[in-house]
Amino acid sequence: MKVLIACEFSGVVREAFRKLGHEAFSCDLLDTEVPGAHIKRDILQVIDANRGFFDLMIAHPPCTYLAVSGARWFKERAELQKDALEFVKKLMDAPIPRIAVENPIGVISSMIRKPDQIVQPWMFGHGETKATCLWLKNLPKLEPTNIVSGRVGRVWREPPSPDRWKNRSRTYTGLAGAMASQWGKLASFDDKGITEVKA
């Protein structure tokens, strides 16, 4: 399967798919933290240049102006929030057969539509809380793979630092593994055998 991981600098989801033999590429305006198949470019340009190439996209749009954790600033950031929501809509409407958009609980639910599923790290082997909403297109809901005890809000308690936003935004490896194993086994809508992605 050919997979595009949108707005991912960490490489966590990309590598989970590649580990299972998929042609997965991450894309972000930032460099990747883990060397590999990464496109440093505007994701919308990559989607447009590769119409018909990807079978699946998992998108992690920036949550700065969308998550309820920033609600106290919503009024003064109305225009930025509007732009962020437009970006999410473009990702949801991308010409890719299967799409998952993930984000924390926030305004996407009220301004676009409610999520199809909300998952937690403790459903996938991590004893922590971090409610993650999933908006799905032609994808089944994820099944828990390893429910564990412990309900620590580590992400919420992340101390102030220049990398705080990065540490809070990384996908848990257990969740990434579930996406790769469960969504990666779905049949491709159209396998053209293309092996090169246009950057």
N, C-alpha and C. Protein backbone atom coordinates (compact mmCIF):
# COMPACT_ATOMS: atom_id res chain seq x y z
N MET A 1 0.85 -1.18 0.00
CA MET A 1 0.00 0.00 0.00
C MET A 1 0.89 1.24 0.00
N LYS A 2 0.45 2.27 -0.70
CA LYS A 2 1.19 3.53 -0.76
C LYS A 2 0.54 4.52 0.21
N VAL A 3 1.31 4.95 1.19
CA VAL A 3 0.76 5.71 2.31
C VAL A 3 1.46 7.06 2.45
N LEU A 4 0.67 8.10 2.63
CA LEU A 4 1.19 9.44 2.87
C LEU A 4 0.86 9.83 4.30
N ILE A 5 1.89 10.17 5.08
CA ILE A 5 1.67 10.63 6.45
C ILE A 5 1.86 12.14 6.43
N ALA A 6 0.75 12.86 6.46
CA ALA A 6 0.77 14.31 6.30
C ALA A 6 1.07 15.01 7.62
N CYS A 7 1.90 16.04 7.54
CA CYS A 7 2.24 16.87 8.71
C CYS A 7 2.89 16.04 9.80
N GLU A 8 3.83 15.20 9.41
CA GLU A 8 4.56 14.38 10.39
C GLU A 8 6.06 14.62 10.26
N PHE A 9 6.66 15.16 11.32
CA PHE A 9 8.11 15.36 11.36
C PHE A 9 8.80 14.21 12.11
N SER A 10 8.06 13.51 12.96
CA SER A 10 8.67 12.50 13.84
C SER A 10 9.03 11.22 13.11
N GLY A 11 8.31 10.87 12.07
CA GLY A 11 8.54 9.61 11.36
C GLY A 11 7.95 8.39 12.05
N VAL A 12 7.24 8.58 13.16
CA VAL A 12 6.72 7.45 13.94
C VAL A 12 5.71 6.62 13.13
N VAL A 13 4.72 7.28 12.54
CA VAL A 13 3.69 6.55 11.79
C VAL A 13 4.27 6.02 10.48
N ARG A 14 5.08 6.85 9.82
CA ARG A 14 5.73 6.41 8.57
C ARG A 14 6.50 5.12 8.78
N GLU A 15 7.32 5.08 9.83
CA GLU A 15 8.15 3.90 10.07
C GLU A 15 7.33 2.68 10.48
N ALA A 16 6.19 2.89 11.15
CA ALA A 16 5.32 1.76 11.50
C ALA A 16 4.79 1.08 10.24
N PHE A 17 4.44 1.87 9.23
CA PHE A 17 3.97 1.30 7.96
C PHE A 17 5.12 0.67 7.18
N ARG A 18 6.25 1.33 7.13
CA ARG A 18 7.39 0.79 6.38
C ARG A 18 7.88 -0.53 6.99
N LYS A 19 7.80 -0.64 8.30
CA LYS A 19 8.20 -1.87 8.99
C LYS A 19 7.38 -3.06 8.50
N LEU A 20 6.14 -2.80 8.08
CA LEU A 20 5.27 -3.87 7.59
C LEU A 20 5.30 -4.00 6.07
N GLY A 21 6.26 -3.29 5.44
CA GLY A 21 6.46 -3.46 4.00
C GLY A 21 5.72 -2.49 3.10
N HIS A 22 5.09 -1.48 3.68
CA HIS A 22 4.35 -0.51 2.86
C HIS A 22 5.28 0.59 2.35
N GLU A 23 4.88 1.19 1.24
CA GLU A 23 5.59 2.34 0.69
C GLU A 23 5.03 3.58 1.38
N ALA A 24 5.62 3.98 2.46
CA ALA A 24 5.09 5.10 3.25
C ALA A 24 6.05 6.28 3.21
N PHE A 25 5.47 7.46 3.09
CA PHE A 25 6.22 8.70 3.04
C PHE A 25 5.63 9.68 4.04
N SER A 26 6.49 10.33 4.83
CA SER A 26 6.03 11.41 5.68
C SER A 26 6.26 12.72 4.94
N CYS A 27 5.48 13.73 5.30
CA CYS A 27 5.60 15.04 4.65
C CYS A 27 5.37 16.12 5.69
N ASP A 28 6.26 17.09 5.72
CA ASP A 28 6.12 18.20 6.66
C ASP A 28 7.00 19.34 6.18
N LEU A 29 6.75 20.54 6.70
CA LEU A 29 7.61 21.68 6.40
C LEU A 29 8.92 21.59 7.18
N LEU A 30 8.95 20.73 8.20
CA LEU A 30 10.15 20.50 9.00
C LEU A 30 10.89 19.28 8.49
N ASP A 31 12.17 19.19 8.83
CA ASP A 31 12.94 17.97 8.56
C ASP A 31 12.39 16.84 9.43
N THR A 32 12.61 15.61 9.00
CA THR A 32 12.20 14.46 9.79
C THR A 32 13.22 14.19 10.89
N GLU A 33 12.73 13.71 12.03
CA GLU A 33 13.62 13.35 13.14
C GLU A 33 14.29 12.01 12.91
N VAL A 34 13.64 11.16 12.14
CA VAL A 34 14.17 9.83 11.84
C VAL A 34 14.44 9.77 10.34
N PRO A 35 15.71 9.63 9.93
CA PRO A 35 16.00 9.58 8.49
C PRO A 35 15.16 8.53 7.78
N GLY A 36 14.69 8.89 6.60
CA GLY A 36 13.86 7.96 5.85
C GLY A 36 13.13 8.68 4.73
N ALA A 37 12.07 8.07 4.27
CA ALA A 37 11.30 8.58 3.14
C ALA A 37 10.47 9.78 3.59
N HIS A 38 11.06 10.95 3.51
CA HIS A 38 10.41 12.17 3.99
C HIS A 38 10.45 13.25 2.92
N ILE A 39 9.33 13.92 2.76
CA ILE A 39 9.22 15.01 1.79
C ILE A 39 9.07 16.32 2.57
N LYS A 40 10.04 17.19 2.43
CA LYS A 40 9.98 18.49 3.12
C LYS A 40 9.36 19.50 2.16
N ARG A 41 8.04 19.61 2.27
CA ARG A 41 7.31 20.47 1.33
C ARG A 41 5.89 20.66 1.85
N ASP A 42 5.19 21.62 1.31
CA ASP A 42 3.78 21.87 1.63
C ASP A 42 2.97 20.63 1.25
N ILE A 43 2.24 20.08 2.18
CA ILE A 43 1.50 18.84 1.95
C ILE A 43 0.47 18.97 0.83
N LEU A 44 -0.17 20.13 0.70
CA LEU A 44 -1.19 20.30 -0.34
C LEU A 44 -0.56 20.24 -1.73
N GLN A 45 0.66 20.74 -1.86
CA GLN A 45 1.37 20.65 -3.14
C GLN A 45 1.72 19.19 -3.46
N VAL A 46 2.11 18.46 -2.45
CA VAL A 46 2.46 17.04 -2.65
C VAL A 46 1.22 16.23 -3.06
N ILE A 47 0.10 16.50 -2.39
CA ILE A 47 -1.15 15.81 -2.74
C ILE A 47 -1.51 16.11 -4.19
N ASP A 48 -1.43 17.38 -4.58
CA ASP A 48 -1.80 17.79 -5.94
C ASP A 48 -0.88 17.17 -6.99
N ALA A 49 0.42 17.08 -6.68
CA ALA A 49 1.39 16.54 -7.64
C ALA A 49 1.32 15.03 -7.77
N ASN A 50 0.65 14.36 -6.84
CA ASN A 50 0.62 12.89 -6.82
C ASN A 50 -0.79 12.32 -6.85
N ARG A 51 -1.66 12.96 -7.61
CA ARG A 51 -3.04 12.47 -7.73
C ARG A 51 -3.04 11.05 -8.29
N GLY A 52 -3.77 10.17 -7.60
CA GLY A 52 -3.86 8.78 -8.04
C GLY A 52 -2.74 7.88 -7.55
N PHE A 53 -1.78 8.44 -6.82
CA PHE A 53 -0.64 7.64 -6.35
C PHE A 53 -0.92 6.96 -5.02
N PHE A 54 -1.41 7.72 -4.05
CA PHE A 54 -1.54 7.20 -2.69
C PHE A 54 -2.86 6.47 -2.47
N ASP A 55 -2.80 5.38 -1.71
CA ASP A 55 -3.98 4.61 -1.32
C ASP A 55 -4.57 5.10 0.00
N LEU A 56 -3.70 5.66 0.85
CA LEU A 56 -4.09 6.03 2.21
C LEU A 56 -3.31 7.26 2.64
N MET A 57 -4.01 8.18 3.30
CA MET A 57 -3.32 9.31 3.93
C MET A 57 -3.75 9.38 5.39
N ILE A 58 -2.77 9.51 6.27
CA ILE A 58 -3.03 9.78 7.68
C ILE A 58 -2.48 11.17 7.94
N ALA A 59 -3.35 12.09 8.31
CA ALA A 59 -2.97 13.50 8.44
C ALA A 59 -3.01 13.95 9.89
N HIS A 60 -1.98 14.70 10.26
CA HIS A 60 -1.85 15.24 11.61
C HIS A 60 -1.77 16.77 11.53
N PRO A 61 -2.86 17.45 11.14
CA PRO A 61 -2.77 18.91 11.00
C PRO A 61 -2.41 19.57 12.33
N PRO A 62 -1.62 20.65 12.29
CA PRO A 62 -1.24 21.34 13.54
C PRO A 62 -2.48 21.73 14.33
N CYS A 63 -2.42 21.51 15.65
CA CYS A 63 -3.61 21.72 16.50
C CYS A 63 -3.58 23.05 17.26
N THR A 64 -2.56 23.87 17.01
CA THR A 64 -2.37 25.11 17.77
C THR A 64 -3.64 25.95 17.86
N TYR A 65 -4.35 26.09 16.77
CA TYR A 65 -5.54 26.95 16.73
C TYR A 65 -6.85 26.15 16.73
N LEU A 66 -6.73 24.84 17.00
CA LEU A 66 -7.90 23.96 16.91
C LEU A 66 -8.26 23.27 18.22
N ALA A 67 -7.27 22.95 19.04
CA ALA A 67 -7.49 22.15 20.26
C ALA A 67 -8.11 22.98 21.37
N VAL A 68 -8.94 22.33 22.20
CA VAL A 68 -9.58 23.04 23.31
C VAL A 68 -8.57 23.53 24.33
N SER A 69 -7.37 22.96 24.33
CA SER A 69 -6.35 23.42 25.28
C SER A 69 -5.99 24.89 25.03
N GLY A 70 -6.27 25.38 23.84
CA GLY A 70 -6.00 26.79 23.54
C GLY A 70 -7.25 27.64 23.47
N ALA A 71 -8.34 27.16 24.06
CA ALA A 71 -9.63 27.86 23.94
C ALA A 71 -9.60 29.29 24.45
N ARG A 72 -8.79 29.57 25.45
CA ARG A 72 -8.79 30.93 26.01
C ARG A 72 -8.26 31.96 25.01
N TRP A 73 -7.59 31.50 23.95
CA TRP A 73 -7.07 32.42 22.94
C TRP A 73 -7.91 32.43 21.65
N PHE A 74 -8.98 31.64 21.61
CA PHE A 74 -9.75 31.52 20.37
C PHE A 74 -10.24 32.87 19.84
N LYS A 75 -10.72 33.72 20.71
CA LYS A 75 -11.31 34.99 20.26
C LYS A 75 -10.29 35.85 19.53
N GLU A 76 -9.10 35.96 20.08
CA GLU A 76 -8.08 36.81 19.46
C GLU A 76 -7.37 36.14 18.29
N ARG A 77 -7.63 34.84 18.09
CA ARG A 77 -6.99 34.12 16.99
C ARG A 77 -8.02 33.60 15.99
N ALA A 78 -9.12 34.30 15.85
CA ALA A 78 -10.23 33.83 15.02
C ALA A 78 -9.81 33.61 13.56
N GLU A 79 -9.03 34.51 13.02
CA GLU A 79 -8.62 34.38 11.61
C GLU A 79 -7.67 33.20 11.42
N LEU A 80 -6.76 33.02 12.37
CA LEU A 80 -5.84 31.89 12.31
C LEU A 80 -6.59 30.56 12.45
N GLN A 81 -7.61 30.56 13.30
CA GLN A 81 -8.42 29.35 13.46
C GLN A 81 -9.20 29.05 12.18
N LYS A 82 -9.72 30.09 11.55
CA LYS A 82 -10.45 29.91 10.29
C LYS A 82 -9.53 29.28 9.23
N ASP A 83 -8.30 29.79 9.14
CA ASP A 83 -7.34 29.23 8.18
C ASP A 83 -7.00 27.77 8.52
N ALA A 84 -6.85 27.47 9.80
CA ALA A 84 -6.54 26.10 10.24
C ALA A 84 -7.68 25.14 9.87
N LEU A 85 -8.92 25.60 10.04
CA LEU A 85 -10.07 24.77 9.69
C LEU A 85 -10.16 24.54 8.18
N GLU A 86 -9.83 25.56 7.40
CA GLU A 86 -9.82 25.41 5.94
C GLU A 86 -8.78 24.37 5.51
N PHE A 87 -7.64 24.40 6.18
CA PHE A 87 -6.58 23.43 5.90
C PHE A 87 -7.07 22.01 6.20
N VAL A 88 -7.75 21.84 7.33
CA VAL A 88 -8.28 20.52 7.70
C VAL A 88 -9.29 20.05 6.65
N LYS A 89 -10.16 20.94 6.19
CA LYS A 89 -11.14 20.57 5.17
C LYS A 89 -10.46 20.11 3.89
N LYS A 90 -9.38 20.80 3.51
CA LYS A 90 -8.66 20.39 2.30
C LYS A 90 -8.04 19.02 2.46
N LEU A 91 -7.54 18.72 3.65
CA LEU A 91 -6.99 17.39 3.89
C LEU A 91 -8.10 16.34 3.83
N MET A 92 -9.23 16.63 4.45
CA MET A 92 -10.35 15.68 4.45
C MET A 92 -10.88 15.43 3.04
N ASP A 93 -10.81 16.45 2.19
CA ASP A 93 -11.34 16.35 0.83
C ASP A 93 -10.30 15.94 -0.20
N ALA A 94 -9.10 15.58 0.25
CA ALA A 94 -8.03 15.22 -0.68
C ALA A 94 -8.45 14.04 -1.56
N PRO A 95 -7.97 14.02 -2.81
CA PRO A 95 -8.33 12.93 -3.73
C PRO A 95 -7.52 11.66 -3.45
N ILE A 96 -7.71 11.13 -2.27
CA ILE A 96 -7.05 9.89 -1.84
C ILE A 96 -8.16 8.97 -1.31
N PRO A 97 -8.19 7.71 -1.72
CA PRO A 97 -9.33 6.83 -1.39
C PRO A 97 -9.60 6.64 0.10
N ARG A 98 -8.56 6.50 0.90
CA ARG A 98 -8.75 6.29 2.33
C ARG A 98 -8.00 7.38 3.09
N ILE A 99 -8.70 8.00 4.04
CA ILE A 99 -8.10 9.11 4.79
C ILE A 99 -8.46 9.01 6.26
N ALA A 100 -7.46 9.29 7.11
CA ALA A 100 -7.68 9.48 8.54
C ALA A 100 -7.06 10.83 8.91
N VAL A 101 -7.84 11.67 9.54
CA VAL A 101 -7.33 12.94 10.07
C VAL A 101 -7.39 12.82 11.58
N GLU A 102 -6.28 13.11 12.26
CA GLU A 102 -6.26 13.00 13.72
C GLU A 102 -5.96 14.36 14.33
N ASN A 103 -6.55 14.61 15.48
CA ASN A 103 -6.35 15.86 16.21
C ASN A 103 -6.90 15.69 17.62
N PRO A 104 -6.41 16.50 18.56
CA PRO A 104 -7.00 16.45 19.91
C PRO A 104 -8.45 16.94 19.87
N ILE A 105 -9.14 16.79 20.98
CA ILE A 105 -10.50 17.33 21.08
C ILE A 105 -10.43 18.83 20.87
N GLY A 106 -11.28 19.34 19.99
CA GLY A 106 -11.24 20.75 19.65
C GLY A 106 -12.38 21.17 18.75
N VAL A 107 -12.14 22.23 17.99
CA VAL A 107 -13.22 22.86 17.22
C VAL A 107 -13.56 22.14 15.92
N ILE A 108 -12.73 21.21 15.48
CA ILE A 108 -13.08 20.46 14.27
C ILE A 108 -14.43 19.78 14.47
N SER A 109 -14.65 19.27 15.68
CA SER A 109 -15.90 18.56 16.00
C SER A 109 -17.13 19.43 15.84
N SER A 110 -17.01 20.69 16.21
CA SER A 110 -18.17 21.59 16.14
C SER A 110 -18.24 22.38 14.85
N MET A 111 -17.10 22.64 14.23
CA MET A 111 -17.07 23.49 13.03
C MET A 111 -17.09 22.70 11.72
N ILE A 112 -16.67 21.45 11.76
CA ILE A 112 -16.69 20.63 10.53
C ILE A 112 -17.62 19.43 10.73
N ARG A 113 -17.23 18.49 11.58
CA ARG A 113 -18.10 17.38 11.95
C ARG A 113 -17.50 16.63 13.12
N LYS A 114 -18.33 15.86 13.79
CA LYS A 114 -17.87 15.08 14.93
C LYS A 114 -16.94 13.97 14.45
N PRO A 115 -15.98 13.57 15.28
CA PRO A 115 -15.07 12.50 14.88
C PRO A 115 -15.78 11.15 14.80
N ASP A 116 -15.21 10.27 14.02
CA ASP A 116 -15.74 8.91 13.93
C ASP A 116 -15.32 8.06 15.12
N GLN A 117 -14.21 8.45 15.75
CA GLN A 117 -13.68 7.66 16.87
C GLN A 117 -12.78 8.55 17.72
N ILE A 118 -12.73 8.26 19.03
CA ILE A 118 -11.77 8.89 19.93
C ILE A 118 -10.99 7.76 20.59
N VAL A 119 -9.66 7.81 20.44
CA VAL A 119 -8.81 6.77 21.01
C VAL A 119 -7.90 7.35 22.08
N GLN A 120 -7.35 6.46 22.91
CA GLN A 120 -6.45 6.84 23.99
C GLN A 120 -5.18 5.98 23.92
N PRO A 121 -4.03 6.50 24.36
CA PRO A 121 -2.80 5.69 24.36
C PRO A 121 -2.93 4.38 25.12
N TRP A 122 -3.71 4.38 26.24
CA TRP A 122 -3.83 3.17 27.05
C TRP A 122 -4.57 2.03 26.33
N MET A 123 -5.18 2.34 25.19
CA MET A 123 -5.82 1.30 24.39
C MET A 123 -4.79 0.56 23.53
N PHE A 124 -3.56 1.12 23.47
CA PHE A 124 -2.54 0.58 22.57
C PHE A 124 -1.19 0.40 23.28
N GLY A 125 -1.25 0.09 24.58
CA GLY A 125 -0.04 -0.29 25.30
C GLY A 125 0.68 0.79 26.07
N HIS A 126 0.15 2.01 26.11
CA HIS A 126 0.80 3.10 26.84
C HIS A 126 -0.12 3.53 28.00
N GLY A 127 0.39 3.50 29.21
CA GLY A 127 -0.46 3.82 30.36
C GLY A 127 -0.65 5.30 30.57
N GLU A 128 -1.12 5.97 29.57
CA GLU A 128 -1.29 7.42 29.62
C GLU A 128 -2.60 7.83 28.96
N THR A 129 -2.98 9.07 29.23
CA THR A 129 -4.17 9.63 28.59
C THR A 129 -3.76 10.71 27.60
N LYS A 130 -4.41 10.69 26.46
CA LYS A 130 -4.26 11.73 25.44
C LYS A 130 -5.36 11.47 24.43
N ALA A 131 -6.54 12.04 24.69
CA ALA A 131 -7.68 11.79 23.80
C ALA A 131 -7.34 12.27 22.39
N THR A 132 -7.45 11.36 21.45
CA THR A 132 -7.14 11.66 20.05
C THR A 132 -8.35 11.33 19.20
N CYS A 133 -8.85 12.35 18.51
CA CYS A 133 -10.02 12.17 17.64
C CYS A 133 -9.57 11.73 16.26
N LEU A 134 -10.36 10.86 15.65
CA LEU A 134 -10.09 10.38 14.30
C LEU A 134 -11.30 10.63 13.41
N TRP A 135 -11.08 11.32 12.30
CA TRP A 135 -12.10 11.51 11.28
C TRP A 135 -11.70 10.60 10.13
N LEU A 136 -12.58 9.66 9.79
CA LEU A 136 -12.22 8.57 8.87
C LEU A 136 -13.00 8.61 7.57
N LYS A 137 -12.31 8.29 6.48
CA LYS A 137 -12.94 8.14 5.17
C LYS A 137 -12.53 6.77 4.63
N ASN A 138 -13.51 5.90 4.43
CA ASN A 138 -13.28 4.54 3.92
C ASN A 138 -12.32 3.73 4.77
N LEU A 139 -12.33 3.98 6.07
CA LEU A 139 -11.49 3.24 7.01
C LEU A 139 -12.35 2.77 8.18
N PRO A 140 -12.08 1.58 8.70
CA PRO A 140 -12.80 1.12 9.89
C PRO A 140 -12.21 1.78 11.14
N LYS A 141 -12.98 1.77 12.21
CA LYS A 141 -12.45 2.25 13.49
C LYS A 141 -11.33 1.33 13.94
N LEU A 142 -10.37 1.89 14.65
CA LEU A 142 -9.28 1.09 15.17
C LEU A 142 -9.76 0.24 16.34
N GLU A 143 -9.28 -0.98 16.39
CA GLU A 143 -9.56 -1.87 17.52
C GLU A 143 -8.41 -1.76 18.51
N PRO A 144 -8.70 -1.68 19.82
CA PRO A 144 -7.61 -1.66 20.81
C PRO A 144 -6.73 -2.89 20.65
N THR A 145 -5.43 -2.70 20.86
CA THR A 145 -4.49 -3.81 20.69
C THR A 145 -3.90 -4.29 22.01
N ASN A 146 -3.86 -3.39 23.01
CA ASN A 146 -3.24 -3.77 24.29
C ASN A 146 -3.70 -2.79 25.36
N ILE A 147 -4.86 -3.05 25.96
CA ILE A 147 -5.39 -2.16 26.99
C ILE A 147 -4.57 -2.36 28.26
N VAL A 148 -4.02 -1.27 28.75
CA VAL A 148 -3.16 -1.33 29.94
C VAL A 148 -3.68 -0.41 31.03
N SER A 149 -3.25 -0.67 32.25
CA SER A 149 -3.65 0.19 33.37
C SER A 149 -2.76 1.43 33.37
N GLY A 150 -3.16 2.40 34.18
CA GLY A 150 -2.41 3.65 34.24
C GLY A 150 -3.10 4.70 33.41
N ARG A 151 -3.36 5.81 34.02
CA ARG A 151 -4.07 6.87 33.31
C ARG A 151 -3.38 8.20 33.61
N VAL A 152 -2.12 8.30 33.23
CA VAL A 152 -1.33 9.49 33.52
C VAL A 152 -1.41 10.46 32.34
N GLY A 153 -1.68 11.70 32.63
CA GLY A 153 -1.72 12.73 31.59
C GLY A 153 -0.36 13.34 31.35
N ARG A 154 0.60 12.54 30.89
CA ARG A 154 1.97 13.02 30.70
C ARG A 154 2.06 14.17 29.71
N VAL A 155 1.34 14.07 28.61
CA VAL A 155 1.40 15.10 27.58
C VAL A 155 0.92 16.44 28.13
N TRP A 156 -0.14 16.40 28.91
CA TRP A 156 -0.70 17.62 29.50
C TRP A 156 0.28 18.25 30.48
N ARG A 157 1.09 17.39 31.15
CA ARG A 157 2.03 17.87 32.16
C ARG A 157 3.42 18.19 31.62
N GLU A 158 3.58 18.12 30.33
CA GLU A 158 4.88 18.41 29.72
C GLU A 158 5.37 19.79 30.15
N PRO A 159 6.57 19.88 30.75
CA PRO A 159 7.05 21.17 31.24
C PRO A 159 7.38 22.12 30.10
N PRO A 160 7.35 23.42 30.37
CA PRO A 160 7.69 24.41 29.33
C PRO A 160 9.10 24.19 28.80
N SER A 161 9.24 24.25 27.48
CA SER A 161 10.54 24.13 26.83
C SER A 161 10.34 24.49 25.35
N PRO A 162 11.42 24.77 24.64
CA PRO A 162 11.29 25.07 23.21
C PRO A 162 10.69 23.92 22.40
N ASP A 163 10.87 22.68 22.90
CA ASP A 163 10.36 21.50 22.18
C ASP A 163 9.05 20.97 22.75
N ARG A 164 8.42 21.73 23.62
CA ARG A 164 7.18 21.25 24.26
C ARG A 164 6.13 20.85 23.22
N TRP A 165 5.92 21.71 22.24
CA TRP A 165 4.89 21.42 21.23
C TRP A 165 5.23 20.16 20.44
N LYS A 166 6.52 19.92 20.19
CA LYS A 166 6.91 18.71 19.47
C LYS A 166 6.65 17.47 20.31
N ASN A 167 7.03 17.54 21.58
CA ASN A 167 6.83 16.40 22.48
C ASN A 167 5.36 16.07 22.66
N ARG A 168 4.52 17.10 22.65
CA ARG A 168 3.08 16.89 22.82
C ARG A 168 2.42 16.36 21.56
N SER A 169 3.05 16.59 20.41
CA SER A 169 2.38 16.25 19.15
C SER A 169 2.76 14.88 18.60
N ARG A 170 3.81 14.27 19.10
CA ARG A 170 4.24 12.97 18.56
C ARG A 170 3.17 11.89 18.78
N THR A 171 2.99 11.06 17.78
CA THR A 171 2.06 9.94 17.87
C THR A 171 2.71 8.82 18.69
N TYR A 172 1.96 8.21 19.58
CA TYR A 172 2.45 7.08 20.36
C TYR A 172 2.71 5.90 19.43
N THR A 173 3.80 5.17 19.70
CA THR A 173 4.18 4.06 18.83
C THR A 173 3.12 2.97 18.79
N GLY A 174 2.42 2.75 19.91
CA GLY A 174 1.37 1.73 19.93
C GLY A 174 0.21 2.08 19.01
N LEU A 175 -0.16 3.35 18.98
CA LEU A 175 -1.23 3.82 18.09
C LEU A 175 -0.77 3.73 16.64
N ALA A 176 0.47 4.15 16.38
CA ALA A 176 1.01 4.06 15.02
C ALA A 176 1.03 2.61 14.54
N GLY A 177 1.42 1.69 15.42
CA GLY A 177 1.45 0.28 15.07
C GLY A 177 0.07 -0.27 14.75
N ALA A 178 -0.93 0.19 15.50
CA ALA A 178 -2.31 -0.25 15.24
C ALA A 178 -2.79 0.26 13.89
N MET A 179 -2.46 1.51 13.57
CA MET A 179 -2.84 2.06 12.26
C MET A 179 -2.22 1.24 11.14
N ALA A 180 -0.92 0.94 11.30
CA ALA A 180 -0.21 0.20 10.25
C ALA A 180 -0.74 -1.22 10.10
N SER A 181 -0.95 -1.91 11.22
CA SER A 181 -1.37 -3.31 11.13
C SER A 181 -2.83 -3.45 10.70
N GLN A 182 -3.69 -2.54 11.17
CA GLN A 182 -5.12 -2.67 10.86
C GLN A 182 -5.50 -2.02 9.54
N TRP A 183 -5.05 -0.81 9.29
CA TRP A 183 -5.40 -0.14 8.04
C TRP A 183 -4.50 -0.59 6.90
N GLY A 184 -3.28 -1.01 7.23
CA GLY A 184 -2.36 -1.45 6.19
C GLY A 184 -2.75 -2.75 5.53
N LYS A 185 -3.61 -3.52 6.16
CA LYS A 185 -4.00 -4.80 5.55
C LYS A 185 -5.21 -4.64 4.62
N LEU A 186 -5.76 -3.45 4.51
CA LEU A 186 -6.88 -3.22 3.62
C LEU A 186 -6.39 -3.25 2.18
N ALA A 187 -7.19 -3.75 1.29
CA ALA A 187 -6.81 -3.83 -0.11
C ALA A 187 -6.70 -2.44 -0.71
N SER A 188 -5.74 -2.28 -1.60
CA SER A 188 -5.61 -1.02 -2.32
C SER A 188 -6.76 -0.88 -3.29
N PHE A 189 -7.22 0.34 -3.48
CA PHE A 189 -8.27 0.58 -4.46
C PHE A 189 -7.72 0.41 -5.87
N ASP A 190 -6.46 0.79 -6.07
CA ASP A 190 -5.87 0.73 -7.39
C ASP A 190 -4.36 0.65 -7.24
N ASP A 191 -3.79 -0.51 -7.51
CA ASP A 191 -2.36 -0.68 -7.36
C ASP A 191 -1.70 -0.61 -8.72
N LYS A 192 -1.09 0.56 -9.01
CA LYS A 192 -0.47 0.76 -10.31
C LYS A 192 1.01 0.34 -10.31
N GLY A 193 1.52 -0.04 -9.15
CA GLY A 193 2.90 -0.45 -9.08
C GLY A 193 3.90 0.70 -9.17
N ILE A 194 3.44 1.92 -8.93
CA ILE A 194 4.34 3.07 -9.00
C ILE A 194 5.26 3.04 -7.78
N THR A 195 6.52 3.30 -7.98
CA THR A 195 7.45 3.24 -6.85
C THR A 195 8.12 4.57 -6.57
N GLU A 196 7.79 5.61 -7.29
CA GLU A 196 8.43 6.91 -7.07
C GLU A 196 7.38 7.97 -6.78
N VAL A 197 7.60 8.73 -5.73
CA VAL A 197 6.67 9.81 -5.39
C VAL A 197 7.27 11.11 -5.84
N LYS A 198 6.44 11.99 -6.37
CA LYS A 198 6.92 13.30 -6.83
C LYS A 198 7.01 14.26 -5.65
N ALA A 199 8.17 14.81 -5.43
CA ALA A 199 8.37 15.76 -4.33
C ALA A 199 7.95 17.17 -4.72
